[in-house]
mmCIF file of all heavy atoms, coordinates in Angstrom:
data_MODEL
# 
_entry.id   MODEL 
# 
loop_
_atom_site.group_PDB 
_atom_site.id 
_atom_site.type_symbol 
_atom_site.label_atom_id 
_atom_site.label_alt_id 
_atom_site.label_comp_id 
_atom_site.label_asym_id 
_atom_site.label_entity_id 
_atom_site.label_seq_id 
_atom_site.pdbx_PDB_ins_code 
_atom_site.Cartn_x 
_atom_site.Cartn_y 
_atom_site.Cartn_z 
_atom_site.occupancy 
_atom_site.B_iso_or_equiv 
_atom_site.pdbx_formal_charge 
_atom_site.auth_seq_id 
_atom_site.auth_comp_id 
_atom_site.auth_asym_id 
_atom_site.auth_atom_id 
_atom_site.pdbx_PDB_model_num 
ATOM 1   N N   . LYS A 1 1  ? -53.876 -111.979 -43.047 1.00 0.00 ? 1  LYS A N   1 
ATOM 2   C CA  . LYS A 1 1  ? -52.733 -111.541 -42.246 1.00 0.00 ? 1  LYS A CA  1 
ATOM 3   C C   . LYS A 1 1  ? -52.845 -110.120 -41.695 1.00 0.00 ? 1  LYS A C   1 
ATOM 4   O O   . LYS A 1 1  ? -52.654 -109.920 -40.494 1.00 0.00 ? 1  LYS A O   1 
ATOM 5   C CB  . LYS A 1 1  ? -51.446 -111.676 -43.065 1.00 0.00 ? 1  LYS A CB  1 
ATOM 6   C CG  . LYS A 1 1  ? -50.837 -113.045 -43.046 1.00 0.00 ? 1  LYS A CG  1 
ATOM 7   C CD  . LYS A 1 1  ? -50.442 -113.508 -41.665 1.00 0.00 ? 1  LYS A CD  1 
ATOM 8   C CE  . LYS A 1 1  ? -49.278 -112.725 -41.084 1.00 0.00 ? 1  LYS A CE  1 
ATOM 9   N NZ  . LYS A 1 1  ? -48.932 -113.209 -39.724 1.00 0.00 ? 1  LYS A NZ  1 
ATOM 10  N N   . PRO A 1 2  ? -53.102 -109.098 -42.508 1.00 0.00 ? 2  PRO A N   1 
ATOM 11  C CA  . PRO A 1 2  ? -53.118 -107.749 -41.930 1.00 0.00 ? 2  PRO A CA  1 
ATOM 12  C C   . PRO A 1 2  ? -54.298 -107.532 -41.002 1.00 0.00 ? 2  PRO A C   1 
ATOM 13  O O   . PRO A 1 2  ? -54.207 -106.794 -40.026 1.00 0.00 ? 2  PRO A O   1 
ATOM 14  C CB  . PRO A 1 2  ? -53.201 -106.833 -43.157 1.00 0.00 ? 2  PRO A CB  1 
ATOM 15  C CG  . PRO A 1 2  ? -53.899 -107.651 -44.182 1.00 0.00 ? 2  PRO A CG  1 
ATOM 16  C CD  . PRO A 1 2  ? -53.417 -109.066 -43.956 1.00 0.00 ? 2  PRO A CD  1 
ATOM 17  N N   . ASN A 1 3  ? -55.399 -108.204 -41.284 1.00 0.00 ? 3  ASN A N   1 
ATOM 18  C CA  . ASN A 1 3  ? -56.636 -107.897 -40.570 1.00 0.00 ? 3  ASN A CA  1 
ATOM 19  C C   . ASN A 1 3  ? -56.734 -108.566 -39.207 1.00 0.00 ? 3  ASN A C   1 
ATOM 20  O O   . ASN A 1 3  ? -57.331 -108.014 -38.284 1.00 0.00 ? 3  ASN A O   1 
ATOM 21  C CB  . ASN A 1 3  ? -57.829 -108.276 -41.459 1.00 0.00 ? 3  ASN A CB  1 
ATOM 22  C CG  . ASN A 1 3  ? -57.876 -107.403 -42.694 1.00 0.00 ? 3  ASN A CG  1 
ATOM 23  O OD1 . ASN A 1 3  ? -57.888 -106.181 -42.605 1.00 0.00 ? 3  ASN A OD1 1 
ATOM 24  N ND2 . ASN A 1 3  ? -57.849 -108.016 -43.864 1.00 0.00 ? 3  ASN A ND2 1 
ATOM 25  N N   . VAL A 1 4  ? -56.127 -109.732 -39.050 1.00 0.00 ? 4  VAL A N   1 
ATOM 26  C CA  . VAL A 1 4  ? -56.147 -110.348 -37.732 1.00 0.00 ? 4  VAL A CA  1 
ATOM 27  C C   . VAL A 1 4  ? -55.326 -109.502 -36.755 1.00 0.00 ? 4  VAL A C   1 
ATOM 28  O O   . VAL A 1 4  ? -55.691 -109.355 -35.574 1.00 0.00 ? 4  VAL A O   1 
ATOM 29  C CB  . VAL A 1 4  ? -55.643 -111.815 -37.802 1.00 0.00 ? 4  VAL A CB  1 
ATOM 30  C CG1 . VAL A 1 4  ? -54.155 -111.903 -38.089 1.00 0.00 ? 4  VAL A CG1 1 
ATOM 31  C CG2 . VAL A 1 4  ? -55.986 -112.566 -36.523 1.00 0.00 ? 4  VAL A CG2 1 
ATOM 32  N N   . SER A 1 5  ? -54.236 -108.886 -37.222 1.00 0.00 ? 5  SER A N   1 
ATOM 33  C CA  . SER A 1 5  ? -53.429 -108.022 -36.358 1.00 0.00 ? 5  SER A CA  1 
ATOM 34  C C   . SER A 1 5  ? -54.169 -106.729 -36.017 1.00 0.00 ? 5  SER A C   1 
ATOM 35  O O   . SER A 1 5  ? -54.055 -106.211 -34.898 1.00 0.00 ? 5  SER A O   1 
ATOM 36  C CB  . SER A 1 5  ? -52.098 -107.685 -37.034 1.00 0.00 ? 5  SER A CB  1 
ATOM 37  O OG  . SER A 1 5  ? -51.350 -108.859 -37.280 1.00 0.00 ? 5  SER A OG  1 
ATOM 38  N N   . VAL A 1 6  ? -54.915 -106.206 -36.972 1.00 0.00 ? 6  VAL A N   1 
ATOM 39  C CA  . VAL A 1 6  ? -55.700 -104.990 -36.713 1.00 0.00 ? 6  VAL A CA  1 
ATOM 40  C C   . VAL A 1 6  ? -56.746 -105.249 -35.633 1.00 0.00 ? 6  VAL A C   1 
ATOM 41  O O   . VAL A 1 6  ? -56.971 -104.418 -34.746 1.00 0.00 ? 6  VAL A O   1 
ATOM 42  C CB  . VAL A 1 6  ? -56.360 -104.486 -38.007 1.00 0.00 ? 6  VAL A CB  1 
ATOM 43  C CG1 . VAL A 1 6  ? -57.393 -103.411 -37.703 1.00 0.00 ? 6  VAL A CG1 1 
ATOM 44  C CG2 . VAL A 1 6  ? -55.300 -103.927 -38.945 1.00 0.00 ? 6  VAL A CG2 1 
ATOM 45  N N   . ILE A 1 7  ? -57.400 -106.414 -35.688 1.00 0.00 ? 7  ILE A N   1 
ATOM 46  C CA  . ILE A 1 7  ? -58.404 -106.737 -34.665 1.00 0.00 ? 7  ILE A CA  1 
ATOM 47  C C   . ILE A 1 7  ? -57.751 -106.803 -33.292 1.00 0.00 ? 7  ILE A C   1 
ATOM 48  O O   . ILE A 1 7  ? -58.313 -106.329 -32.291 1.00 0.00 ? 7  ILE A O   1 
ATOM 49  C CB  . ILE A 1 7  ? -59.117 -108.065 -34.989 1.00 0.00 ? 7  ILE A CB  1 
ATOM 50  C CG1 . ILE A 1 7  ? -59.830 -107.980 -36.340 1.00 0.00 ? 7  ILE A CG1 1 
ATOM 51  C CG2 . ILE A 1 7  ? -60.148 -108.397 -33.912 1.00 0.00 ? 7  ILE A CG2 1 
ATOM 52  C CD1 . ILE A 1 7  ? -60.404 -109.304 -36.825 1.00 0.00 ? 7  ILE A CD1 1 
ATOM 53  N N   . VAL A 1 8  ? -56.551 -107.368 -33.209 1.00 0.00 ? 8  VAL A N   1 
ATOM 54  C CA  . VAL A 1 8  ? -55.835 -107.392 -31.928 1.00 0.00 ? 8  VAL A CA  1 
ATOM 55  C C   . VAL A 1 8  ? -55.670 -105.973 -31.401 1.00 0.00 ? 8  VAL A C   1 
ATOM 56  O O   . VAL A 1 8  ? -55.950 -105.688 -30.235 1.00 0.00 ? 8  VAL A O   1 
ATOM 57  C CB  . VAL A 1 8  ? -54.460 -108.079 -32.071 1.00 0.00 ? 8  VAL A CB  1 
ATOM 58  C CG1 . VAL A 1 8  ? -53.658 -107.944 -30.781 1.00 0.00 ? 8  VAL A CG1 1 
ATOM 59  C CG2 . VAL A 1 8  ? -54.620 -109.550 -32.408 1.00 0.00 ? 8  VAL A CG2 1 
ATOM 60  N N   . GLY A 1 9  ? -55.215 -105.069 -32.269 1.00 0.00 ? 9  GLY A N   1 
ATOM 61  C CA  . GLY A 1 9  ? -55.026 -103.683 -31.841 1.00 0.00 ? 9  GLY A CA  1 
ATOM 62  C C   . GLY A 1 9  ? -56.311 -103.030 -31.367 1.00 0.00 ? 9  GLY A C   1 
ATOM 63  O O   . GLY A 1 9  ? -56.320 -102.267 -30.399 1.00 0.00 ? 9  GLY A O   1 
ATOM 64  N N   . GLN A 1 10 ? -57.436 -103.347 -32.023 1.00 0.00 ? 10 GLN A N   1 
ATOM 65  C CA  . GLN A 1 10 ? -58.713 -102.733 -31.656 1.00 0.00 ? 10 GLN A CA  1 
ATOM 66  C C   . GLN A 1 10 ? -59.272 -103.274 -30.342 1.00 0.00 ? 10 GLN A C   1 
ATOM 67  O O   . GLN A 1 10 ? -60.184 -102.674 -29.768 1.00 0.00 ? 10 GLN A O   1 
ATOM 68  C CB  . GLN A 1 10 ? -59.720 -102.934 -32.780 1.00 0.00 ? 10 GLN A CB  1 
ATOM 69  C CG  . GLN A 1 10 ? -59.393 -102.128 -34.027 1.00 0.00 ? 10 GLN A CG  1 
ATOM 70  C CD  . GLN A 1 10 ? -60.438 -102.259 -35.111 1.00 0.00 ? 10 GLN A CD  1 
ATOM 71  O OE1 . GLN A 1 10 ? -61.515 -102.812 -34.900 1.00 0.00 ? 10 GLN A OE1 1 
ATOM 72  N NE2 . GLN A 1 10 ? -60.123 -101.744 -36.296 1.00 0.00 ? 10 GLN A NE2 1 
ATOM 73  N N   . LEU A 1 11 ? -58.752 -104.384 -29.857 1.00 0.00 ? 11 LEU A N   1 
ATOM 74  C CA  . LEU A 1 11 ? -59.165 -104.887 -28.548 1.00 0.00 ? 11 LEU A CA  1 
ATOM 75  C C   . LEU A 1 11 ? -58.571 -104.065 -27.408 1.00 0.00 ? 11 LEU A C   1 
ATOM 76  O O   . LEU A 1 11 ? -58.959 -104.240 -26.253 1.00 0.00 ? 11 LEU A O   1 
ATOM 77  C CB  . LEU A 1 11 ? -58.734 -106.351 -28.378 1.00 0.00 ? 11 LEU A CB  1 
ATOM 78  C CG  . LEU A 1 11 ? -59.446 -107.387 -29.268 1.00 0.00 ? 11 LEU A CG  1 
ATOM 79  C CD1 . LEU A 1 11 ? -58.804 -108.760 -29.076 1.00 0.00 ? 11 LEU A CD1 1 
ATOM 80  C CD2 . LEU A 1 11 ? -60.934 -107.446 -28.955 1.00 0.00 ? 11 LEU A CD2 1 
ATOM 81  N N   . TYR A 1 12 ? -57.633 -103.156 -27.721 1.00 0.00 ? 12 TYR A N   1 
ATOM 82  C CA  . TYR A 1 12 ? -56.954 -102.340 -26.712 1.00 0.00 ? 12 TYR A CA  1 
ATOM 83  C C   . TYR A 1 12 ? -57.106 -100.859 -27.041 1.00 0.00 ? 12 TYR A C   1 
ATOM 84  O O   . TYR A 1 12 ? -56.128 -100.177 -27.382 1.00 0.00 ? 12 TYR A O   1 
ATOM 85  C CB  . TYR A 1 12 ? -55.470 -102.684 -26.645 1.00 0.00 ? 12 TYR A CB  1 
ATOM 86  C CG  . TYR A 1 12 ? -55.194 -104.119 -26.261 1.00 0.00 ? 12 TYR A CG  1 
ATOM 87  C CD1 . TYR A 1 12 ? -55.100 -105.113 -27.236 1.00 0.00 ? 12 TYR A CD1 1 
ATOM 88  C CD2 . TYR A 1 12 ? -55.019 -104.488 -24.935 1.00 0.00 ? 12 TYR A CD2 1 
ATOM 89  C CE1 . TYR A 1 12 ? -54.850 -106.424 -26.895 1.00 0.00 ? 12 TYR A CE1 1 
ATOM 90  C CE2 . TYR A 1 12 ? -54.764 -105.797 -24.577 1.00 0.00 ? 12 TYR A CE2 1 
ATOM 91  C CZ  . TYR A 1 12 ? -54.679 -106.764 -25.567 1.00 0.00 ? 12 TYR A CZ  1 
ATOM 92  O OH  . TYR A 1 12 ? -54.426 -108.062 -25.224 1.00 0.00 ? 12 TYR A OH  1 
ATOM 93  N N   . PRO A 1 13 ? -58.317 -100.316 -26.965 1.00 0.00 ? 13 PRO A N   1 
ATOM 94  C CA  . PRO A 1 13 ? -58.500 -98.906  -27.311 1.00 0.00 ? 13 PRO A CA  1 
ATOM 95  C C   . PRO A 1 13 ? -57.732 -97.959  -26.394 1.00 0.00 ? 13 PRO A C   1 
ATOM 96  O O   . PRO A 1 13 ? -57.448 -96.819  -26.763 1.00 0.00 ? 13 PRO A O   1 
ATOM 97  C CB  . PRO A 1 13 ? -60.016 -98.703  -27.166 1.00 0.00 ? 13 PRO A CB  1 
ATOM 98  C CG  . PRO A 1 13 ? -60.464 -99.785  -26.241 1.00 0.00 ? 13 PRO A CG  1 
ATOM 99  C CD  . PRO A 1 13 ? -59.566 -100.954 -26.530 1.00 0.00 ? 13 PRO A CD  1 
ATOM 100 N N   . GLU A 1 14 ? -57.373 -98.448  -25.189 1.00 0.00 ? 14 GLU A N   1 
ATOM 101 C CA  . GLU A 1 14 ? -56.656 -97.587  -24.246 1.00 0.00 ? 14 GLU A CA  1 
ATOM 102 C C   . GLU A 1 14 ? -55.171 -97.494  -24.552 1.00 0.00 ? 14 GLU A C   1 
ATOM 103 O O   . GLU A 1 14 ? -54.470 -96.619  -24.039 1.00 0.00 ? 14 GLU A O   1 
ATOM 104 C CB  . GLU A 1 14 ? -56.836 -98.121  -22.817 1.00 0.00 ? 14 GLU A CB  1 
ATOM 105 C CG  . GLU A 1 14 ? -56.017 -99.351  -22.449 1.00 0.00 ? 14 GLU A CG  1 
ATOM 106 C CD  . GLU A 1 14 ? -56.553 -100.662 -23.016 1.00 0.00 ? 14 GLU A CD  1 
ATOM 107 O OE1 . GLU A 1 14 ? -57.587 -100.651 -23.710 1.00 0.00 ? 14 GLU A OE1 1 
ATOM 108 O OE2 . GLU A 1 14 ? -55.934 -101.715 -22.765 1.00 0.00 ? 14 GLU A OE2 1 
ATOM 109 N N   . GLY A 1 15 ? -54.634 -98.405  -25.400 1.00 0.00 ? 15 GLY A N   1 
ATOM 110 C CA  . GLY A 1 15 ? -53.217 -98.384  -25.734 1.00 0.00 ? 15 GLY A CA  1 
ATOM 111 C C   . GLY A 1 15 ? -52.361 -98.778  -24.552 1.00 0.00 ? 15 GLY A C   1 
ATOM 112 O O   . GLY A 1 15 ? -52.772 -99.540  -23.674 1.00 0.00 ? 15 GLY A O   1 
ATOM 113 N N   . GLY A 1 16 ? -51.135 -98.247  -24.476 1.00 0.00 ? 16 GLY A N   1 
ATOM 114 C CA  . GLY A 1 16 ? -50.261 -98.465  -23.337 1.00 0.00 ? 16 GLY A CA  1 
ATOM 115 C C   . GLY A 1 16 ? -49.454 -99.743  -23.427 1.00 0.00 ? 16 GLY A C   1 
ATOM 116 O O   . GLY A 1 16 ? -49.474 -100.474 -24.418 1.00 0.00 ? 16 GLY A O   1 
ATOM 117 N N   . ALA A 1 17 ? -48.695 -100.009 -22.328 1.00 0.00 ? 17 ALA A N   1 
ATOM 118 C CA  . ALA A 1 17 ? -47.800 -101.161 -22.291 1.00 0.00 ? 17 ALA A CA  1 
ATOM 119 C C   . ALA A 1 17 ? -48.562 -102.480 -22.359 1.00 0.00 ? 17 ALA A C   1 
ATOM 120 O O   . ALA A 1 17 ? -48.042 -103.483 -22.862 1.00 0.00 ? 17 ALA A O   1 
ATOM 121 C CB  . ALA A 1 17 ? -46.944 -101.105 -21.023 1.00 0.00 ? 17 ALA A CB  1 
ATOM 122 N N   . ARG A 1 18 ? -49.823 -102.511 -21.837 1.00 0.00 ? 18 ARG A N   1 
ATOM 123 C CA  . ARG A 1 18 ? -50.598 -103.752 -21.874 1.00 0.00 ? 18 ARG A CA  1 
ATOM 124 C C   . ARG A 1 18 ? -50.870 -104.176 -23.323 1.00 0.00 ? 18 ARG A C   1 
ATOM 125 O O   . ARG A 1 18 ? -50.953 -105.360 -23.633 1.00 0.00 ? 18 ARG A O   1 
ATOM 126 C CB  . ARG A 1 18 ? -51.917 -103.578 -21.116 1.00 0.00 ? 18 ARG A CB  1 
ATOM 127 C CG  . ARG A 1 18 ? -52.621 -104.896 -20.808 1.00 0.00 ? 18 ARG A CG  1 
ATOM 128 C CD  . ARG A 1 18 ? -53.765 -104.665 -19.841 1.00 0.00 ? 18 ARG A CD  1 
ATOM 129 N NE  . ARG A 1 18 ? -54.855 -103.947 -20.490 1.00 0.00 ? 18 ARG A NE  1 
ATOM 130 C CZ  . ARG A 1 18 ? -55.904 -104.567 -21.052 1.00 0.00 ? 18 ARG A CZ  1 
ATOM 131 N NH1 . ARG A 1 18 ? -56.000 -105.878 -21.022 1.00 0.00 ? 18 ARG A NH1 1 
ATOM 132 N NH2 . ARG A 1 18 ? -56.867 -103.864 -21.622 1.00 0.00 ? 18 ARG A NH2 1 
ATOM 133 N N   . ARG A 1 19 ? -51.005 -103.191 -24.182 1.00 0.00 ? 19 ARG A N   1 
ATOM 134 C CA  . ARG A 1 19 ? -51.195 -103.486 -25.609 1.00 0.00 ? 19 ARG A CA  1 
ATOM 135 C C   . ARG A 1 19 ? -49.954 -104.174 -26.188 1.00 0.00 ? 19 ARG A C   1 
ATOM 136 O O   . ARG A 1 19 ? -50.062 -105.160 -26.924 1.00 0.00 ? 19 ARG A O   1 
ATOM 137 C CB  . ARG A 1 19 ? -51.495 -102.186 -26.342 1.00 0.00 ? 19 ARG A CB  1 
ATOM 138 C CG  . ARG A 1 19 ? -51.694 -102.304 -27.847 1.00 0.00 ? 19 ARG A CG  1 
ATOM 139 C CD  . ARG A 1 19 ? -51.836 -100.892 -28.400 1.00 0.00 ? 19 ARG A CD  1 
ATOM 140 N NE  . ARG A 1 19 ? -51.940 -100.887 -29.840 1.00 0.00 ? 19 ARG A NE  1 
ATOM 141 C CZ  . ARG A 1 19 ? -52.960 -100.359 -30.506 1.00 0.00 ? 19 ARG A CZ  1 
ATOM 142 N NH1 . ARG A 1 19 ? -53.977 -99.836  -29.859 1.00 0.00 ? 19 ARG A NH1 1 
ATOM 143 N NH2 . ARG A 1 19 ? -52.952 -100.350 -31.819 1.00 0.00 ? 19 ARG A NH2 1 
ATOM 144 N N   . ASP A 1 20 ? -48.767 -103.659 -25.831 1.00 0.00 ? 20 ASP A N   1 
ATOM 145 C CA  . ASP A 1 20 ? -47.532 -104.295 -26.290 1.00 0.00 ? 20 ASP A CA  1 
ATOM 146 C C   . ASP A 1 20 ? -47.429 -105.712 -25.752 1.00 0.00 ? 20 ASP A C   1 
ATOM 147 O O   . ASP A 1 20 ? -47.010 -106.634 -26.462 1.00 0.00 ? 20 ASP A O   1 
ATOM 148 C CB  . ASP A 1 20 ? -46.320 -103.484 -25.833 1.00 0.00 ? 20 ASP A CB  1 
ATOM 149 C CG  . ASP A 1 20 ? -46.104 -102.230 -26.678 1.00 0.00 ? 20 ASP A CG  1 
ATOM 150 O OD1 . ASP A 1 20 ? -46.860 -102.034 -27.652 1.00 0.00 ? 20 ASP A OD1 1 
ATOM 151 O OD2 . ASP A 1 20 ? -45.191 -101.458 -26.355 1.00 0.00 ? 20 ASP A OD2 1 
ATOM 152 N N   . ALA A 1 21 ? -47.809 -105.896 -24.473 1.00 0.00 ? 21 ALA A N   1 
ATOM 153 C CA  . ALA A 1 21 ? -47.785 -107.237 -23.896 1.00 0.00 ? 21 ALA A CA  1 
ATOM 154 C C   . ALA A 1 21 ? -48.769 -108.154 -24.624 1.00 0.00 ? 21 ALA A C   1 
ATOM 155 O O   . ALA A 1 21 ? -48.483 -109.335 -24.867 1.00 0.00 ? 21 ALA A O   1 
ATOM 156 C CB  . ALA A 1 21 ? -48.116 -107.168 -22.411 1.00 0.00 ? 21 ALA A CB  1 
ATOM 157 N N   . GLY A 1 22 ? -49.946 -107.611 -24.988 1.00 0.00 ? 22 GLY A N   1 
ATOM 158 C CA  . GLY A 1 22 ? -50.931 -108.389 -25.736 1.00 0.00 ? 22 GLY A CA  1 
ATOM 159 C C   . GLY A 1 22 ? -50.397 -108.821 -27.083 1.00 0.00 ? 22 GLY A C   1 
ATOM 160 O O   . GLY A 1 22 ? -50.602 -109.970 -27.509 1.00 0.00 ? 22 GLY A O   1 
ATOM 161 N N   . PHE A 1 23 ? -49.693 -107.928 -27.767 1.00 0.00 ? 23 PHE A N   1 
ATOM 162 C CA  . PHE A 1 23 ? -49.106 -108.294 -29.057 1.00 0.00 ? 23 PHE A CA  1 
ATOM 163 C C   . PHE A 1 23 ? -48.006 -109.338 -28.887 1.00 0.00 ? 23 PHE A C   1 
ATOM 164 O O   . PHE A 1 23 ? -47.818 -110.197 -29.753 1.00 0.00 ? 23 PHE A O   1 
ATOM 165 C CB  . PHE A 1 23 ? -48.555 -107.057 -29.768 1.00 0.00 ? 23 PHE A CB  1 
ATOM 166 C CG  . PHE A 1 23 ? -49.551 -106.419 -30.709 1.00 0.00 ? 23 PHE A CG  1 
ATOM 167 C CD1 . PHE A 1 23 ? -50.267 -105.297 -30.323 1.00 0.00 ? 23 PHE A CD1 1 
ATOM 168 C CD2 . PHE A 1 23 ? -49.778 -106.938 -31.958 1.00 0.00 ? 23 PHE A CD2 1 
ATOM 169 C CE1 . PHE A 1 23 ? -51.192 -104.712 -31.175 1.00 0.00 ? 23 PHE A CE1 1 
ATOM 170 C CE2 . PHE A 1 23 ? -50.695 -106.365 -32.836 1.00 0.00 ? 23 PHE A CE2 1 
ATOM 171 C CZ  . PHE A 1 23 ? -51.401 -105.252 -32.434 1.00 0.00 ? 23 PHE A CZ  1 
ATOM 172 N N   . SER A 1 24 ? -47.282 -109.296 -27.769 1.00 0.00 ? 24 SER A N   1 
ATOM 173 C CA  . SER A 1 24 ? -46.267 -110.310 -27.530 1.00 0.00 ? 24 SER A CA  1 
ATOM 174 C C   . SER A 1 24 ? -46.906 -111.688 -27.325 1.00 0.00 ? 24 SER A C   1 
ATOM 175 O O   . SER A 1 24 ? -46.400 -112.707 -27.815 1.00 0.00 ? 24 SER A O   1 
ATOM 176 C CB  . SER A 1 24 ? -45.415 -109.937 -26.311 1.00 0.00 ? 24 SER A CB  1 
ATOM 177 O OG  . SER A 1 24 ? -44.614 -108.817 -26.585 1.00 0.00 ? 24 SER A OG  1 
ATOM 178 N N   . ILE A 1 25 ? -48.035 -111.721 -26.598 1.00 0.00 ? 25 ILE A N   1 
ATOM 179 C CA  . ILE A 1 25 ? -48.770 -112.979 -26.427 1.00 0.00 ? 25 ILE A CA  1 
ATOM 180 C C   . ILE A 1 25 ? -49.271 -113.475 -27.777 1.00 0.00 ? 25 ILE A C   1 
ATOM 181 O O   . ILE A 1 25 ? -49.136 -114.655 -28.125 1.00 0.00 ? 25 ILE A O   1 
ATOM 182 C CB  . ILE A 1 25 ? -49.939 -112.792 -25.443 1.00 0.00 ? 25 ILE A CB  1 
ATOM 183 C CG1 . ILE A 1 25 ? -49.417 -112.503 -24.040 1.00 0.00 ? 25 ILE A CG1 1 
ATOM 184 C CG2 . ILE A 1 25 ? -50.844 -114.022 -25.425 1.00 0.00 ? 25 ILE A CG2 1 
ATOM 185 C CD1 . ILE A 1 25 ? -50.493 -112.084 -23.056 1.00 0.00 ? 25 ILE A CD1 1 
ATOM 186 N N   . PHE A 1 26 ? -49.847 -112.571 -28.552 1.00 0.00 ? 26 PHE A N   1 
ATOM 187 C CA  . PHE A 1 26 ? -50.339 -112.912 -29.890 1.00 0.00 ? 26 PHE A CA  1 
ATOM 188 C C   . PHE A 1 26 ? -49.206 -113.453 -30.747 1.00 0.00 ? 26 PHE A C   1 
ATOM 189 O O   . PHE A 1 26 ? -49.362 -114.438 -31.480 1.00 0.00 ? 26 PHE A O   1 
ATOM 190 C CB  . PHE A 1 26 ? -50.951 -111.657 -30.519 1.00 0.00 ? 26 PHE A CB  1 
ATOM 191 C CG  . PHE A 1 26 ? -51.374 -111.813 -31.950 1.00 0.00 ? 26 PHE A CG  1 
ATOM 192 C CD1 . PHE A 1 26 ? -52.459 -112.599 -32.296 1.00 0.00 ? 26 PHE A CD1 1 
ATOM 193 C CD2 . PHE A 1 26 ? -50.693 -111.145 -32.964 1.00 0.00 ? 26 PHE A CD2 1 
ATOM 194 C CE1 . PHE A 1 26 ? -52.861 -112.728 -33.623 1.00 0.00 ? 26 PHE A CE1 1 
ATOM 195 C CE2 . PHE A 1 26 ? -51.071 -111.264 -34.282 1.00 0.00 ? 26 PHE A CE2 1 
ATOM 196 C CZ  . PHE A 1 26 ? -52.164 -112.061 -34.614 1.00 0.00 ? 26 PHE A CZ  1 
# 
């Protein structure tokens, strides 16, 4: 559980709103 979410975050090194959108898709 914690590690699959961490990998999602690491796919977006630039951060920003697109990262939040990516987490919403996830």
